[in-house]
PDB file of N, CA and C in Angstrom:
ATOM      1  N   MET A   1     210.361 123.000  21.779  1.00  0.00           N
ATOM      2  CA  MET A   1     209.194 123.297  21.016  1.00  0.00           C
ATOM      3  C   MET A   1     207.850 122.898  21.498  1.00  0.00           C
ATOM      4  N   ARG A   2     207.996 121.122  21.553  1.00  0.00           N
ATOM      5  CA  ARG A   2     206.994 120.562  22.247  1.00  0.00           C
ATOM      6  C   ARG A   2     206.359 120.737  23.402  1.00  0.00           C
ATOM      7  N   LYS A   3     207.442 121.260  24.563  1.00  0.00           N
ATOM      8  CA  LYS A   3     206.678 121.629  25.742  1.00  0.00           C
ATOM      9  C   LYS A   3     205.643 122.935  25.746  1.00  0.00           C
ATOM     10  N   LYS A   4     206.630 123.559  24.608  1.00  0.00           N
ATOM     11  CA  LYS A   4     205.747 124.878  24.243  1.00  0.00           C
ATOM     12  C   LYS A   4     204.047 124.832  23.774  1.00  0.00           C
ATOM     13  N   ALA A   5     204.447 123.994  22.970  1.00  0.00           N
ATOM     14  CA  ALA A   5     203.168 123.541  22.514  1.00  0.00           C
ATOM     15  C   ALA A   5     202.141 123.033  23.327  1.00  0.00           C
ATOM     16  N   SER A   6     202.507 122.004  24.262  1.00  0.00           N
ATOM     17  CA  SER A   6     201.735 121.299  25.363  1.00  0.00           C
ATOM     18  C   SER A   6     201.023 122.144  26.142  1.00  0.00           C
ATOM     19  N   PHE A   7     201.962 123.480  26.517  1.00  0.00           N
ATOM     20  CA  PHE A   7     201.454 124.568  27.501  1.00  0.00           C
ATOM     21  C   PHE A   7     200.035 125.749  26.599  1.00  0.00           C
ATOM     22  N   LYS A   8     200.592 125.617  25.552  1.00  0.00           N
ATOM     23  CA  LYS A   8     199.782 126.420  24.358  1.00  0.00           C
ATOM     24  C   LYS A   8     198.317 125.623  24.219  1.00  0.00           C
ATOM     25  N   ARG A   9     198.261 124.295  24.111  1.00  0.00           N
ATOM     26  CA  ARG A   9     197.179 123.778  24.525  1.00  0.00           C
ATOM     27  C   ARG A   9     196.322 123.597  25.513  1.00  0.00           C
ATOM     28  N   LYS A  10     197.244 123.723  26.756  1.00  0.00           N
ATOM     29  CA  LYS A  10     196.443 123.077  28.145  1.00  0.00           C
ATOM     30  C   LYS A  10     196.101 124.730  28.422  1.00  0.00           C
ATOM     31  N   ALA A  11     196.329 125.329  27.494  1.00  0.00           N
ATOM     32  CA  ALA A  11     196.023 127.113  27.829  1.00  0.00           C
ATOM     33  C   ALA A  11     194.783 127.436  27.123  1.00  0.00           C
ATOM     34  N   GLU A  12     194.598 126.477  25.835  1.00  0.00           N
ATOM     35  CA  GLU A  12     193.567 126.490  25.000  1.00  0.00           C
ATOM     36  C   GLU A  12     192.199 125.775  25.822  1.00  0.00           C
ATOM     37  N   LEU A  13     192.740 124.871  26.301  1.00  0.00           N
ATOM     38  CA  LEU A  13     191.656 123.743  27.264  1.00  0.00           C
ATOM     39  C   LEU A  13     190.926 124.649  28.271  1.00  0.00           C
ATOM     40  N   GLN A  14     191.886 124.957  28.843  1.00  0.00           N
ATOM     41  CA  GLN A  14     191.686 126.043  30.031  1.00  0.00           C
ATOM     42  C   GLN A  14     190.584 127.445  29.412  1.00  0.00           C
ATOM     43  N   GLN A  15     190.245 127.713  28.692  1.00  0.00           N
ATOM     44  CA  GLN A  15     189.956 128.389  27.943  1.00  0.00           C
ATOM     45  C   GLN A  15     188.466 128.104  27.560  1.00  0.00           C
ATOM     46  N   ARG A  16     188.494 127.195  26.869  1.00  0.00           N
ATOM     47  CA  ARG A  16     187.243 126.222  26.428  1.00  0.00           C
ATOM     48  C   ARG A  16     186.351 126.062  27.498  1.00  0.00           C
ATOM     49  N   ARG A  17     187.223 125.309  28.717  1.00  0.00           N
ATOM     50  CA  ARG A  17     186.088 124.994  29.835  1.00  0.00           C
ATOM     51  C   ARG A  17     185.791 126.284  30.467  1.00  0.00           C
ATOM     52  N   ALA A  18     186.399 127.009  30.157  1.00  0.00           N
ATOM     53  CA  ALA A  18     185.661 128.443  31.522  1.00  0.00           C
ATOM     54  C   ALA A  18     184.766 129.162  30.506  1.00  0.00           C
ATOM     55  N   ILE A  19     184.962 128.912  29.407  1.00  0.00           N
ATOM     56  CA  ILE A  19     183.961 129.757  28.247  1.00  0.00           C
ATOM     57  C   ILE A  19     182.565 128.543  28.556  1.00  0.00           C
ATOM     58  N   SER A  20     182.835 127.108  28.503  1.00  0.00           N
ATOM     59  CA  SER A  20     181.712 126.188  28.532  1.00  0.00           C
ATOM     60  C   SER A  20     181.038 126.271  29.871  1.00  0.00           C
ATOM     61  N   GLN A  21     181.669 126.654  31.107  1.00  0.00           N
ATOM     62  CA  GLN A  21     181.145 126.769  32.201  1.00  0.00           C
ATOM     63  C   GLN A  21     180.490 127.864  32.784  1.00  0.00           C
ATOM     64  N   SER A  22     180.655 129.371  31.767  1.00  0.00           N
ATOM     65  CA  SER A  22     180.577 130.193  32.256  1.00  0.00           C
ATOM     66  C   SER A  22     178.726 130.175  31.244  1.00  0.00           C
ATOM     67  N   GLU A  23     178.657 129.403  29.849  1.00  0.00           N
ATOM     68  CA  GLU A  23     177.607 129.332  28.968  1.00  0.00           C
ATOM     69  C   GLU A  23     176.932 128.389  29.862  1.00  0.00           C
ATOM     70  N   TYR A  24     177.281 127.467  30.429  1.00  0.00           N
ATOM     71  CA  TYR A  24     176.307 126.211  31.696  1.00  0.00           C
ATOM     72  C   TYR A  24     175.787 127.144  32.409  1.00  0.00           C
ATOM     73  N   ASP A  25     176.319 128.222  33.116  1.00  0.00           N
ATOM     74  CA  ASP A  25     176.056 128.783  34.414  1.00  0.00           C
ATOM     75  C   ASP A  25     174.881 129.609  33.851  1.00  0.00           C
ATOM     76  N   ALA A  26     175.201 130.489  32.721  1.00  0.00           N
ATOM     77  CA  ALA A  26     174.050 131.339  32.122  1.00  0.00           C
ATOM     78  C   ALA A  26     172.824 130.320  31.987  1.00  0.00           C
ATOM     79  N   ALA A  27     173.283 129.407  31.068  1.00  0.00           N
ATOM     80  CA  ALA A  27     171.994 128.649  31.136  1.00  0.00           C
ATOM     81  C   ALA A  27     171.191 128.249  32.337  1.00  0.00           C
ATOM     82  N   VAL A  28     171.714 127.744  33.413  1.00  0.00           N
ATOM     83  CA  VAL A  28     171.354 126.974  34.801  1.00  0.00           C
ATOM     84  C   VAL A  28     170.454 128.173  35.112  1.00  0.00           C
ATOM     85  N   ALA A  29     171.157 129.346  35.239  1.00  0.00           N
ATOM     86  CA  ALA A  29     170.679 130.651  35.665  1.00  0.00           C
ATOM     87  C   ALA A  29     168.993 130.970  34.817  1.00  0.00           C
ATOM     88  N   LYS A  30     168.886 130.688  33.224  1.00  0.00           N
ATOM     89  CA  LYS A  30     167.892 131.189  32.290  1.00  0.00           C
ATOM     90  C   LYS A  30     166.801 129.880  32.905  1.00  0.00           C
ATOM     91  N   ALA A  31     167.236 128.790  33.230  1.00  0.00           N
ATOM     92  CA  ALA A  31     166.087 127.649  33.403  1.00  0.00           C
ATOM     93  C   ALA A  31     165.494 127.987  34.858  1.00  0.00           C
ATOM     94  N   ASP A  32     166.489 128.339  35.785  1.00  0.00           N
ATOM     95  CA  ASP A  32     166.078 128.569  37.039  1.00  0.00           C
ATOM     96  C   ASP A  32     165.201 130.329  36.654  1.00  0.00           C
ATOM     97  N   GLU A  33     165.393 130.832  36.310  1.00  0.00           N
ATOM     98  CA  GLU A  33     164.123 132.224  36.016  1.00  0.00           C
ATOM     99  C   GLU A  33     162.947 131.692  35.086  1.00  0.00           C
ATOM    100  N   ALA A  34     162.949 130.460  34.328  1.00  0.00           N
ATOM    101  CA  ALA A  34     161.998 129.921  33.512  1.00  0.00           C
ATOM    102  C   ALA A  34     160.862 129.287  34.747  1.00  0.00           C
ATOM    103  N   LYS A  35     161.521 128.547  35.708  1.00  0.00           N
ATOM    104  CA  LYS A  35     160.687 127.705  36.781  1.00  0.00           C
ATOM    105  C   LYS A  35     160.269 128.716  37.462  1.00  0.00           C
ATOM    106  N   ALA A  36     160.985 129.797  37.468  1.00  0.00           N
ATOM    107  CA  ALA A  36     160.395 130.711  38.892  1.00  0.00           C
ATOM    108  C   ALA A  36     159.081 131.383  37.961  1.00  0.00           C
ATOM    109  N   GLY A  37     158.943 131.470  36.731  1.00  0.00           N
ATOM    110  CA  GLY A  37     157.975 132.303  36.027  1.00  0.00           C
ATOM    111  C   GLY A  37     156.837 131.355  36.240  1.00  0.00           C
ATOM    112  N   VAL A  38     157.501 129.894  35.882  1.00  0.00           N
ATOM    113  CA  VAL A  38     156.240 128.837  35.698  1.00  0.00           C
ATOM    114  C   VAL A  38     155.560 128.558  37.194  1.00  0.00           C
ATOM    115  N   ALA A  39     156.299 128.819  38.277  1.00  0.00           N
ATOM    116  CA  ALA A  39     156.174 128.500  39.568  1.00  0.00           C
ATOM    117  C   ALA A  39     154.875 130.123  39.763  1.00  0.00           C
ATOM    118  N   ALA A  40     155.471 131.142  39.093  1.00  0.00           N
ATOM    119  CA  ALA A  40     154.567 132.218  39.642  1.00  0.00           C
ATOM    120  C   ALA A  40     153.569 132.112  39.199  1.00  0.00           C
ATOM    121  N   ALA A  41     153.248 131.747  37.786  1.00  0.00           N
ATOM    122  CA  ALA A  41     151.959 131.454  36.896  1.00  0.00           C
ATOM    123  C   ALA A  41     151.010 130.227  37.609  1.00  0.00           C
ATOM    124  N   GLN A  42     151.663 129.352  37.740  1.00  0.00           N
ATOM    125  CA  GLN A  42     150.872 128.064  38.560  1.00  0.00           C
ATOM    126  C   GLN A  42     150.505 128.391  39.925  1.00  0.00           C
ATOM    127  N   ALA A  43     151.065 129.537  40.636  1.00  0.00           N
ATOM    128  CA  ALA A  43     150.667 130.634  42.104  1.00  0.00           C
ATOM    129  C   ALA A  43     149.252 130.601  41.820  1.00  0.00           C
ATOM    130  N   ARG A  44     149.232 132.019  40.338  1.00  0.00           N
ATOM    131  CA  ARG A  44     148.714 133.021  40.823  1.00  0.00           C
ATOM    132  C   ARG A  44     147.243 132.122  39.616  1.00  0.00           C
ATOM    133  N   VAL A  45     147.172 131.134  38.782  1.00  0.00           N
ATOM    134  CA  VAL A  45     146.351 129.895  38.529  1.00  0.00           C
ATOM    135  C   VAL A  45     145.327 129.577  39.631  1.00  0.00           C
ATOM    136  N   GLU A  46     146.026 128.992  40.932  1.00  0.00           N
ATOM    137  CA  GLU A  46     145.819 128.423  41.976  1.00  0.00           C
ATOM    138  C   GLU A  46     145.185 129.372  42.536  1.00  0.00           C
ATOM    139  N   ALA A  47     145.570 130.584  42.533  1.00  0.00           N
ATOM    140  CA  ALA A  47     144.489 131.840  43.410  1.00  0.00           C
ATOM    141  C   ALA A  47     143.618 132.178  43.078  1.00  0.00           C
ATOM    142  N   ALA A  48     143.563 132.206  41.777  1.00  0.00           N
ATOM    143  CA  ALA A  48     142.451 132.649  40.946  1.00  0.00           C
ATOM    144  C   ALA A  48     141.168 131.295  40.833  1.00  0.00           C
ATOM    145  N   ARG A  49     141.592 129.966  41.103  1.00  0.00           N
ATOM    146  CA  ARG A  49     140.514 128.660  41.575  1.00  0.00           C
ATOM    147  C   ARG A  49     139.989 129.012  42.749  1.00  0.00           C
ATOM    148  N   VAL A  50     140.866 129.345  43.830  1.00  0.00           N
ATOM    149  CA  VAL A  50     140.242 128.916  44.972  1.00  0.00           C
ATOM    150  C   VAL A  50     139.488 130.628  44.972  1.00  0.00           C
ATOM    151  N   ARG A  51     139.572 131.451  44.401  1.00  0.00           N
ATOM    152  CA  ARG A  51     138.716 132.768  44.596  1.00  0.00           C
ATOM    153  C   ARG A  51     137.377 132.559  43.871  1.00  0.00           C
ATOM    154  N   LEU A  52     137.746 131.749  42.538  1.00  0.00           N
ATOM    155  CA  LEU A  52     136.392 131.608  42.185  1.00  0.00           C
ATOM    156  C   LEU A  52     135.203 130.522  42.835  1.00  0.00           C
ATOM    157  N   ARG A  53     136.302 129.149  43.858  1.00  0.00           N
ATOM    158  CA  ARG A  53     135.943 128.452  44.685  1.00  0.00           C
ATOM    159  C   ARG A  53     134.918 129.401  45.517  1.00  0.00           C
ATOM    160  N   CYS A  54     135.390 130.174  46.108  1.00  0.00           N
ATOM    161  CA  CYS A  54     135.007 131.150  47.388  1.00  0.00           C
ATOM    162  C   CYS A  54     133.717 131.573  47.078  1.00  0.00           C
ATOM    163  N   ARG A  55     133.897 132.120  45.905  1.00  0.00           N
ATOM    164  CA  ARG A  55     132.701 133.024  44.927  1.00  0.00           C
ATOM    165  C   ARG A  55     131.358 131.948  44.924  1.00  0.00           C
ATOM    166  N   PHE A  56     132.062 130.833  44.209  1.00  0.00           N
ATOM    167  CA  PHE A  56     130.821 130.144  44.015  1.00  0.00           C
ATOM    168  C   PHE A  56     130.180 129.610  45.377  1.00  0.00           C
ATOM    169  N   ARG A  57     130.650 129.415  46.662  1.00  0.00           N
ATOM    170  CA  ARG A  57     130.235 129.083  48.108  1.00  0.00           C
ATOM    171  C   ARG A  57     129.990 129.711  48.378  1.00  0.00           C
ATOM    172  N   LEU A  58     129.713 131.214  48.436  1.00  0.00           N
ATOM    173  CA  LEU A  58     129.346 132.526  48.630  1.00  0.00           C
ATOM    174  C   LEU A  58     127.540 132.457  48.229  1.00  0.00           C
ATOM    175  N   ARG A  59     127.391 132.523  46.873  1.00  0.00           N
ATOM    176  CA  ARG A  59     126.034 132.366  45.957  1.00  0.00           C
ATOM    177  C   ARG A  59     125.400 130.840  46.484  1.00  0.00           C
ATOM    178  N   SER A  60     126.121 130.183  46.697  1.00  0.00           N
ATOM    179  CA  SER A  60     125.096 128.908  46.971  1.00  0.00           C
ATOM    180  C   SER A  60     125.258 128.513  48.517  1.00  0.00           C
ATOM    181  N   CYS A  61     125.492 129.779  49.397  1.00  0.00           N
ATOM    182  CA  CYS A  61     125.382 129.061  50.623  1.00  0.00           C
ATOM    183  C   CYS A  61     124.015 129.162  50.914  1.00  0.00           C
ATOM    184  N   ILE A  62     123.561 128.868  52.213  1.00  0.00           N
ATOM    185  CA  ILE A  62     122.135 128.841  52.615  1.00  0.00           C
ATOM    186  C   ILE A  62     122.526 129.467  54.040  1.00  0.00           C
ATOM    187  N   CYS A  63     123.857 130.136  54.348  1.00  0.00           N
ATOM    188  CA  CYS A  63     123.902 130.761  55.717  1.00  0.00           C
ATOM    189  C   CYS A  63     123.339 132.299  55.806  1.00  0.00           C
ATOM    190  N   THR A  64     123.585 132.513  57.194  1.00  0.00           N
ATOM    191  CA  THR A  64     122.887 134.036  57.285  1.00  0.00           C
ATOM    192  C   THR A  64     123.915 134.923  56.282  1.00  0.00           C
ATOM    193  N   HIS A  65     123.621 135.969  56.372  1.00  0.00           N
ATOM    194  CA  HIS A  65     124.771 137.012  55.388  1.00  0.00           C
ATOM    195  C   HIS A  65     126.024 137.434  56.345  1.00  0.00           C
ATOM    196  N   ARG A  66     125.500 137.190  57.834  1.00  0.00           N
ATOM    197  CA  ARG A  66     126.792 137.685  58.604  1.00  0.00           C
ATOM    198  C   ARG A  66     127.831 136.503  58.685  1.00  0.00           C
ATOM    199  N   SER A  67     127.201 135.315  58.232  1.00  0.00           N
ATOM    200  CA  SER A  67     128.645 134.417  58.389  1.00  0.00           C
ATOM    201  C   SER A  67     129.421 134.261  57.032  1.00  0.00           C
ATOM    202  N   MET A  68     128.338 134.667  55.877  1.00  0.00           N
ATOM    203  CA  MET A  68     128.689 134.637  54.739  1.00  0.00           C
ATOM    204  C   MET A  68     129.932 135.699  54.431  1.00  0.00           C
ATOM    205  N   ALA A  69     129.519 136.827  55.436  1.00  0.00           N
ATOM    206  CA  ALA A  69     130.495 138.101  55.053  1.00  0.00           C
ATOM    207  C   ALA A  69     132.278 137.386  55.718  1.00  0.00           C
ATOM    208  N   LEU A  70     132.055 136.412  56.254  1.00  0.00           N
ATOM    209  CA  LEU A  70     133.461 135.833  56.311  1.00  0.00           C
ATOM    210  C   LEU A  70     134.154 135.072  55.803  1.00  0.00           C
ATOM    211  N   TRP A  71     133.579 134.609  54.873  1.00  0.00           N
ATOM    212  CA  TRP A  71     133.984 133.779  53.893  1.00  0.00           C
ATOM    213  C   TRP A  71     135.189 134.858  52.692  1.00  0.00           C
ATOM    214  N   PRO A  72     136.291 134.094  52.548  1.00  0.00           N
ATOM    215  CA  PRO A  72     137.502 134.882  51.823  1.00  0.00           C
ATOM    216  C   PRO A  72     136.733 135.391  50.079  1.00  0.00           C
ATOM    217  N   THR A  73     136.761 136.489  49.658  1.00  0.00           N
ATOM    218  CA  THR A  73     136.607 136.802  48.666  1.00  0.00           C
ATOM    219  C   THR A  73     137.571 136.987  48.014  1.00  0.00           C
ATOM    220  N   SER A  74     138.975 137.533  48.079  1.00  0.00           N
ATOM    221  CA  SER A  74     139.782 137.653  47.179  1.00  0.00           C
ATOM    222  C   SER A  74     141.095 137.113  47.935  1.00  0.00           C
ATOM    223  N   ILE A  75     142.166 136.673  47.735  1.00  0.00           N
ATOM    224  CA  ILE A  75     143.423 135.898  48.083  1.00  0.00           C
ATOM    225  C   ILE A  75     144.488 136.537  47.376  1.00  0.00           C
ATOM    226  N   SER A  76     145.075 137.057  48.056  1.00  0.00           N
ATOM    227  CA  SER A  76     146.687 137.880  47.196  1.00  0.00           C
ATOM    228  C   SER A  76     147.585 136.460  47.373  1.00  0.00           C
ATOM    229  N   VAL A  77     148.183 136.668  45.869  1.00  0.00           N
ATOM    230  CA  VAL A  77     149.472 136.017  46.474  1.00  0.00           C
ATOM    231  C   VAL A  77     150.764 136.923  46.670  1.00  0.00           C
ATOM    232  N   VAL A  78     151.874 136.503  47.333  1.00  0.00           N
ATOM    233  CA  VAL A  78     153.391 137.240  47.523  1.00  0.00           C
ATOM    234  C   VAL A  78     154.136 136.758  46.848  1.00  0.00           C
TER     235      VAL A  78
END
């Protein structure tokens, strides 16, 4: 009787571990997605800053129009 109970207890513990491991894996995946989303948002913000900086340089530049045309006016983040 005692052995049967210990096997049952071990099986319950293994099942709990499996559930908690899958919950942990799901939480880690969710955190990774959130980090990726934050990184993408930061990249978009940085691209916008660079774009604005470049446009400001174009306006304040005293160079010829030809050299001003070589300045990047838009940057796309992949």
